[in-house]
Amino acid sequence: MSVRQLSVFAENKQGSLYETTAILSEAGINIRAFSVADTNEYGVIRMIVDDPRTAAYSLSSEGKIVSVTDVVGVQISDSQGGLSKLLGIVSQAGINVEYLYAFVSSIPNTANVVLRVSDNETTEKILRESGYSLLTDEIARTQI
């Protein structure tokens, strides 16, 4: 039930983000979530897109280094403490969060969180048992 995330390794230079997004635009790919982590020389562009397979192929064909990773996507309440509550459940289960990014949903009073965790299967099970709705590739294509 995980969501597939693309990670693109890019030089930290003028035009690099544009190149990546232009390739995806030309391939007809819609970016649904986007995050950039950088260092002085390189960055990692992480994104959820509506067609991960085509996106990865298009970027690779243009010489970009791309990896596809399964991550956990979850809907939370867009309210004070919503993220903290989610992270408390994950932490109490002994699951390490390597990174996350979040964004407001098109669904009223809802936000989406993308988590890279040490154990997707256990995280998803715990979150479902705690009443959370998980994101899938299909939901990512149409609702976020």
C-alpha atoms as a PDB file:
ATOM      1  CA  MET A   1       0.000   0.000   0.000  1.00  0.00           C
ATOM      2  CA  SER A   2       3.045   2.290   0.007  1.00  0.00           C
ATOM      3  CA  VAL A   3       3.370   5.283  -2.269  1.00  0.00           C
ATOM      4  CA  ARG A   4       6.215   5.329  -4.776  1.00  0.00           C
ATOM      5  CA  GLN A   5       8.491   8.344  -4.427  1.00  0.00           C
ATOM      6  CA  LEU A   6      11.070   9.493  -6.936  1.00  0.00           C
ATOM      7  CA  SER A   7      14.402  10.805  -5.712  1.00  0.00           C
ATOM      8  CA  VAL A   8      16.454  12.698  -8.259  1.00  0.00           C
ATOM      9  CA  PHE A   9      20.081  13.577  -7.558  1.00  0.00           C
ATOM     10  CA  ALA A  10      20.941  16.975  -8.971  1.00  0.00           C
ATOM     11  CA  GLU A  11      23.829  19.384  -8.911  1.00  0.00           C
ATOM     12  CA  ASN A  12      23.205  22.404  -6.736  1.00  0.00           C
ATOM     13  CA  LYS A  13      23.445  24.912  -9.580  1.00  0.00           C
ATOM     14  CA  GLN A  14      21.259  27.410 -11.368  1.00  0.00           C
ATOM     15  CA  GLY A  15      18.703  25.739 -13.625  1.00  0.00           C
ATOM     16  CA  SER A  16      18.917  22.263 -12.132  1.00  0.00           C
ATOM     17  CA  LEU A  17      15.397  22.282 -10.661  1.00  0.00           C
ATOM     18  CA  TYR A  18      14.052  23.755 -13.882  1.00  0.00           C
ATOM     19  CA  GLU A  19      15.666  20.983 -15.965  1.00  0.00           C
ATOM     20  CA  THR A  20      14.058  18.309 -13.825  1.00  0.00           C
ATOM     21  CA  THR A  21      10.598  19.849 -13.831  1.00  0.00           C
ATOM     22  CA  ALA A  22      10.793  20.612 -17.576  1.00  0.00           C
ATOM     23  CA  ILE A  23      11.557  16.958 -18.355  1.00  0.00           C
ATOM     24  CA  LEU A  24       8.540  15.892 -16.334  1.00  0.00           C
ATOM     25  CA  SER A  25       6.315  18.539 -17.879  1.00  0.00           C
ATOM     26  CA  GLU A  26       7.292  17.471 -21.395  1.00  0.00           C
ATOM     27  CA  ALA A  27       6.489  13.858 -20.453  1.00  0.00           C
ATOM     28  CA  GLY A  28       3.014  14.873 -19.252  1.00  0.00           C
ATOM     29  CA  ILE A  29       3.791  14.153 -15.611  1.00  0.00           C
ATOM     30  CA  ASN A  30       1.946  15.980 -12.840  1.00  0.00           C
ATOM     31  CA  ILE A  31       3.983  16.571  -9.680  1.00  0.00           C
ATOM     32  CA  ARG A  32       1.744  16.035  -6.656  1.00  0.00           C
ATOM     33  CA  ALA A  33       4.286  16.668  -3.855  1.00  0.00           C
ATOM     34  CA  PHE A  34       7.816  18.052  -3.988  1.00  0.00           C
ATOM     35  CA  SER A  35      10.694  18.447  -1.562  1.00  0.00           C
ATOM     36  CA  VAL A  36      14.324  19.489  -1.984  1.00  0.00           C
ATOM     37  CA  ALA A  37      17.177  18.752   0.430  1.00  0.00           C
ATOM     38  CA  ASP A  38      20.506  20.248  -0.493  1.00  0.00           C
ATOM     39  CA  THR A  39      24.180  20.371   0.309  1.00  0.00           C
ATOM     40  CA  ASN A  40      26.730  22.774  -1.111  1.00  0.00           C
ATOM     41  CA  GLU A  41      27.267  20.715  -4.261  1.00  0.00           C
ATOM     42  CA  TYR A  42      24.298  18.372  -4.672  1.00  0.00           C
ATOM     43  CA  GLY A  43      20.651  18.116  -3.809  1.00  0.00           C
ATOM     44  CA  VAL A  44      18.029  15.431  -3.611  1.00  0.00           C
ATOM     45  CA  ILE A  45      14.698  16.238  -5.171  1.00  0.00           C
ATOM     46  CA  ARG A  46      12.002  14.020  -3.706  1.00  0.00           C
ATOM     47  CA  MET A  47       8.591  13.906  -5.259  1.00  0.00           C
ATOM     48  CA  ILE A  48       5.326  12.085  -5.598  1.00  0.00           C
ATOM     49  CA  VAL A  49       4.033  12.120  -9.166  1.00  0.00           C
ATOM     50  CA  ASP A  50       0.960  10.837 -10.953  1.00  0.00           C
ATOM     51  CA  ASP A  51       2.922   8.318 -13.052  1.00  0.00           C
ATOM     52  CA  PRO A  52       6.139   7.184 -11.296  1.00  0.00           C
ATOM     53  CA  ARG A  53       7.194   4.693 -13.976  1.00  0.00           C
ATOM     54  CA  THR A  54       7.006   7.170 -16.864  1.00  0.00           C
ATOM     55  CA  ALA A  55       8.596   9.883 -14.752  1.00  0.00           C
ATOM     56  CA  ALA A  56      11.562   7.702 -13.783  1.00  0.00           C
ATOM     57  CA  TYR A  57      12.049   6.579 -17.378  1.00  0.00           C
ATOM     58  CA  SER A  58      11.862  10.157 -18.724  1.00  0.00           C
ATOM     59  CA  LEU A  59      14.356  11.488 -16.181  1.00  0.00           C
ATOM     60  CA  SER A  60      16.760   8.571 -16.645  1.00  0.00           C
ATOM     61  CA  SER A  61      16.600   8.979 -20.422  1.00  0.00           C
ATOM     62  CA  GLU A  62      17.804  12.547 -19.969  1.00  0.00           C
ATOM     63  CA  GLY A  63      20.768  11.459 -17.857  1.00  0.00           C
ATOM     64  CA  LYS A  64      19.301  12.144 -14.427  1.00  0.00           C
ATOM     65  CA  ILE A  65      20.119   9.779 -11.574  1.00  0.00           C
ATOM     66  CA  VAL A  66      16.757   8.582 -10.264  1.00  0.00           C
ATOM     67  CA  SER A  67      15.705   6.107  -7.621  1.00  0.00           C
ATOM     68  CA  VAL A  68      12.204   4.960  -6.771  1.00  0.00           C
ATOM     69  CA  THR A  69      11.461   4.309  -3.117  1.00  0.00           C
ATOM     70  CA  ASP A  70       8.372   3.080  -1.326  1.00  0.00           C
ATOM     71  CA  VAL A  71       7.322   5.558   1.336  1.00  0.00           C
ATOM     72  CA  VAL A  72       4.345   5.775   3.668  1.00  0.00           C
ATOM     73  CA  GLY A  73       1.770   8.423   2.840  1.00  0.00           C
ATOM     74  CA  VAL A  74      -0.833   9.259   5.434  1.00  0.00           C
ATOM     75  CA  GLN A  75      -3.656  11.744   5.836  1.00  0.00           C
ATOM     76  CA  ILE A  76      -3.758  13.676   9.082  1.00  0.00           C
ATOM     77  CA  SER A  77      -5.911  16.376  10.587  1.00  0.00           C
ATOM     78  CA  ASP A  78      -4.827  19.828   9.450  1.00  0.00           C
ATOM     79  CA  SER A  79      -4.975  21.178  12.976  1.00  0.00           C
ATOM     80  CA  GLN A  80      -2.700  22.086  15.837  1.00  0.00           C
ATOM     81  CA  GLY A  81      -0.936  18.950  17.055  1.00  0.00           C
ATOM     82  CA  GLY A  82      -1.958  16.767  14.091  1.00  0.00           C
ATOM     83  CA  LEU A  83       1.611  16.029  13.031  1.00  0.00           C
ATOM     84  CA  SER A  84       2.803  15.620  16.611  1.00  0.00           C
ATOM     85  CA  LYS A  85       0.102  13.028  17.301  1.00  0.00           C
ATOM     86  CA  LEU A  86       1.119  11.042  14.216  1.00  0.00           C
ATOM     87  CA  LEU A  87       4.810  11.161  15.103  1.00  0.00           C
ATOM     88  CA  GLY A  88       4.045  10.141  18.686  1.00  0.00           C
ATOM     89  CA  ILE A  89       2.344   6.967  17.481  1.00  0.00           C
ATOM     90  CA  VAL A  90       5.261   6.155  15.172  1.00  0.00           C
ATOM     91  CA  SER A  91       7.841   6.911  17.867  1.00  0.00           C
ATOM     92  CA  GLN A  92       6.084   4.838  20.529  1.00  0.00           C
ATOM     93  CA  ALA A  93       6.166   1.898  18.112  1.00  0.00           C
ATOM     94  CA  GLY A  94       9.954   2.192  17.965  1.00  0.00           C
ATOM     95  CA  ILE A  95       9.973   3.173  14.291  1.00  0.00           C
ATOM     96  CA  ASN A  96      12.674   5.541  13.069  1.00  0.00           C
ATOM     97  CA  VAL A  97      11.635   8.377  10.755  1.00  0.00           C
ATOM     98  CA  GLU A  98      14.482   9.091   8.340  1.00  0.00           C
ATOM     99  CA  TYR A  99      12.724  12.115   6.834  1.00  0.00           C
ATOM    100  CA  LEU A 100       9.281  13.464   6.084  1.00  0.00           C
ATOM    101  CA  TYR A 101       7.545  16.218   4.214  1.00  0.00           C
ATOM    102  CA  ALA A 102       3.981  17.416   4.495  1.00  0.00           C
ATOM    103  CA  PHE A 103       1.515  19.446   2.484  1.00  0.00           C
ATOM    104  CA  VAL A 104      -2.097  20.577   2.712  1.00  0.00           C
ATOM    105  CA  SER A 105      -4.632  18.308   1.044  1.00  0.00           C
ATOM    106  CA  SER A 106      -7.429  19.187  -1.358  1.00  0.00           C
ATOM    107  CA  ILE A 107      -9.707  17.540   1.225  1.00  0.00           C
ATOM    108  CA  PRO A 108     -10.865  20.182   3.748  1.00  0.00           C
ATOM    109  CA  ASN A 109      -9.150  20.140   7.161  1.00  0.00           C
ATOM    110  CA  THR A 110      -6.729  17.455   5.994  1.00  0.00           C
ATOM    111  CA  ALA A 111      -2.995  17.420   5.379  1.00  0.00           C
ATOM    112  CA  ASN A 112      -0.820  14.744   3.829  1.00  0.00           C
ATOM    113  CA  VAL A 113       2.447  13.494   5.254  1.00  0.00           C
ATOM    114  CA  VAL A 114       5.044  11.460   3.378  1.00  0.00           C
ATOM    115  CA  LEU A 115       7.272   9.420   5.698  1.00  0.00           C
ATOM    116  CA  ARG A 116      10.463   7.533   4.947  1.00  0.00           C
ATOM    117  CA  VAL A 117      10.631   5.080   7.833  1.00  0.00           C
ATOM    118  CA  SER A 118      12.669   2.068   8.872  1.00  0.00           C
ATOM    119  CA  ASP A 119       9.719  -0.329   8.414  1.00  0.00           C
ATOM    120  CA  ASN A 120       6.900   0.568   6.004  1.00  0.00           C
ATOM    121  CA  GLU A 121       4.763  -2.503   6.663  1.00  0.00           C
ATOM    122  CA  THR A 122       4.713  -2.101  10.446  1.00  0.00           C
ATOM    123  CA  THR A 123       4.184   1.645  10.180  1.00  0.00           C
ATOM    124  CA  GLU A 124       1.210   1.196   7.874  1.00  0.00           C
ATOM    125  CA  LYS A 125      -0.307  -1.460  10.145  1.00  0.00           C
ATOM    126  CA  ILE A 126       0.042   0.730  13.242  1.00  0.00           C
ATOM    127  CA  LEU A 127      -1.353   3.784  11.497  1.00  0.00           C
ATOM    128  CA  ARG A 128      -4.369   1.879  10.129  1.00  0.00           C
ATOM    129  CA  GLU A 129      -5.030   0.471  13.611  1.00  0.00           C
ATOM    130  CA  SER A 130      -4.853   4.032  14.958  1.00  0.00           C
ATOM    131  CA  GLY A 131      -7.538   5.161  12.520  1.00  0.00           C
ATOM    132  CA  TYR A 132      -5.417   6.916   9.901  1.00  0.00           C
ATOM    133  CA  SER A 133      -6.128   6.796   6.176  1.00  0.00           C
ATOM    134  CA  LEU A 134      -3.112   5.817   4.135  1.00  0.00           C
ATOM    135  CA  LEU A 135      -2.257   7.178   0.717  1.00  0.00           C
ATOM    136  CA  THR A 136      -1.747   4.892  -2.255  1.00  0.00           C
ATOM    137  CA  ASP A 137      -0.342   5.545  -5.711  1.00  0.00           C
ATOM    138  CA  GLU A 138      -3.931   5.751  -6.991  1.00  0.00           C
ATOM    139  CA  ILE A 139      -4.890   8.383  -4.408  1.00  0.00           C
ATOM    140  CA  ALA A 140      -1.667  10.265  -5.192  1.00  0.00           C
ATOM    141  CA  ARG A 141      -2.666  10.310  -8.850  1.00  0.00           C
ATOM    142  CA  THR A 142      -6.073  11.818  -8.230  1.00  0.00           C
ATOM    143  CA  GLN A 143      -6.534  13.397  -4.811  1.00  0.00           C
ATOM    144  CA  ILE A 144      -3.385  14.997  -3.479  1.00  0.00           C
END
